[in-house]
Amino acid sequence: MPIGPLIVSFRDTTTAEANRLAGSLADALRDADPSVIVDRLRERTDTQDFGASLAVILGTAAVTAVAKGLAGWMARSSAGVVIEIRRKDTVLLVATQVESGDVSRIAKALSAEE
């Protein structure tokens, strides 16, 4: 059963930096589980960015793989970045400096009911 869409955005970053982070994280999530659908979202129509946020749709079986992919990506490539994951208007997770021990908490937040 699909979960989502989850919206992943990057707090306190410029549009250019958020674009770079979104591209990198999208690749990491696709690598974590090929069944995950990741689309980039433009938050402002008056700019020419590629999409500074991500819409992520995943099945319940992919939650743990995506949580591991997210934790690994944050540990490798996002020093000091704060991500926010929300569904509709509900914030599910705000995270920074994630470690491998946080995977179960991330998976629980991603699979939270609407």
Protein backbone atom coordinates (compact mmCIF):
# COMPACT_ATOMS: atom_id res chain seq x y z
CA MET A 1 0.00 0.00 0.00
CA PRO A 2 1.50 3.39 -0.96
CA ILE A 3 2.43 5.88 1.74
CA GLY A 4 2.46 9.49 0.86
CA PRO A 5 3.07 11.65 -0.78
CA LEU A 6 5.66 12.76 1.71
CA ILE A 7 7.12 16.19 1.10
CA VAL A 8 10.80 16.63 1.97
CA SER A 9 12.12 20.16 2.23
CA PHE A 10 15.30 21.77 3.48
CA ARG A 11 15.04 24.43 6.16
CA ASP A 12 17.19 27.54 6.27
CA THR A 13 18.88 27.00 2.89
CA THR A 14 19.05 29.08 -0.23
CA THR A 15 17.05 27.93 -3.24
CA ALA A 16 20.28 26.99 -5.01
CA GLU A 17 21.48 24.88 -2.07
CA ALA A 18 18.05 23.27 -1.64
CA ASN A 19 18.08 22.36 -5.35
CA ARG A 20 21.47 20.67 -4.99
CA LEU A 21 20.38 18.82 -1.84
CA ALA A 22 17.07 17.73 -3.41
CA GLY A 23 18.87 16.23 -6.41
CA SER A 24 21.36 14.39 -4.24
CA LEU A 25 18.71 13.06 -1.83
CA ALA A 26 16.42 12.00 -4.69
CA ASP A 27 19.24 9.85 -6.09
CA ALA A 28 19.96 8.35 -2.66
CA LEU A 29 16.29 7.46 -2.08
CA ARG A 30 15.97 5.85 -5.51
CA ASP A 31 19.12 3.84 -4.81
CA ALA A 32 17.73 2.75 -1.41
CA ASP A 33 14.65 1.20 -3.04
CA PRO A 34 13.89 1.34 -6.79
CA SER A 35 10.14 1.09 -6.11
CA VAL A 36 10.16 4.53 -4.49
CA ILE A 37 8.78 7.35 -6.62
CA VAL A 38 10.62 10.63 -6.11
CA ASP A 39 9.59 13.82 -7.91
CA ARG A 40 11.12 17.24 -7.48
CA LEU A 41 8.75 20.06 -6.57
CA ARG A 42 9.12 23.73 -7.31
CA GLU A 43 7.95 25.75 -4.35
CA ARG A 44 8.00 29.05 -6.24
CA THR A 45 6.72 29.51 -9.77
CA ASP A 46 8.64 32.76 -10.24
CA THR A 47 12.05 31.07 -10.22
CA GLN A 48 13.82 28.75 -12.63
CA ASP A 49 14.85 26.17 -10.09
CA PHE A 50 14.58 22.44 -10.80
CA GLY A 51 12.70 21.80 -7.58
CA ALA A 52 13.93 22.54 -4.09
CA SER A 53 11.64 19.99 -2.40
CA LEU A 54 10.81 16.36 -3.05
CA ALA A 55 7.52 14.47 -3.21
CA VAL A 56 8.15 10.86 -2.17
CA ILE A 57 5.67 8.03 -2.65
CA LEU A 58 6.63 4.67 -1.23
CA GLY A 59 5.01 1.41 -0.24
CA THR A 60 4.96 0.16 3.31
CA ALA A 61 7.64 -2.41 2.46
CA ALA A 62 10.03 0.38 1.40
CA VAL A 63 9.80 2.45 4.60
CA THR A 64 12.83 0.90 6.31
CA ALA A 65 14.95 1.03 3.15
CA VAL A 66 14.06 4.69 2.64
CA ALA A 67 14.77 5.48 6.30
CA LYS A 68 18.21 3.84 5.95
CA GLY A 69 18.84 5.71 2.70
CA LEU A 70 17.85 9.02 4.30
CA ALA A 71 20.01 8.41 7.37
CA GLY A 72 22.98 7.40 5.21
CA TRP A 73 22.57 10.43 2.96
CA MET A 74 22.38 12.79 5.92
CA ALA A 75 25.45 11.26 7.52
CA ARG A 76 27.45 11.58 4.26
CA SER A 77 26.40 14.74 2.60
CA SER A 78 24.35 17.13 4.61
CA ALA A 79 26.47 18.57 7.42
CA GLY A 80 24.27 20.99 9.31
CA VAL A 81 21.27 20.66 6.98
CA VAL A 82 17.85 20.50 8.60
CA ILE A 83 15.26 18.48 6.70
CA GLU A 84 11.53 18.58 7.23
CA ILE A 85 9.25 15.75 6.15
CA ARG A 86 5.54 16.38 6.06
CA ARG A 87 2.36 14.83 4.77
CA LYS A 88 -0.20 17.40 3.72
CA ASP A 89 0.07 20.05 6.45
CA THR A 90 1.33 17.71 9.18
CA VAL A 91 5.04 17.75 10.00
CA LEU A 92 6.16 14.15 10.59
CA LEU A 93 9.86 14.72 11.16
CA VAL A 94 12.41 17.50 11.50
CA ALA A 95 15.94 16.14 11.55
CA THR A 96 19.57 17.14 11.50
CA GLN A 97 22.75 15.17 12.19
CA VAL A 98 21.03 11.80 11.79
CA GLU A 99 22.96 8.65 12.68
CA SER A 100 22.35 4.99 11.89
CA GLY A 101 20.69 4.48 15.29
CA ASP A 102 17.95 6.88 14.21
CA VAL A 103 16.68 4.66 11.38
CA SER A 104 13.87 3.08 13.42
CA ARG A 105 12.60 6.50 14.54
CA ILE A 106 12.70 7.77 10.95
CA ALA A 107 10.83 4.67 9.71
CA LYS A 108 8.18 5.15 12.41
CA ALA A 109 7.72 8.80 11.45
CA LEU A 110 7.50 7.98 7.72
CA SER A 111 4.84 5.35 8.28
CA ALA A 112 2.72 7.47 10.64
CA GLU A 113 -0.97 7.44 9.76
CA GLU A 114 -2.54 10.47 8.13
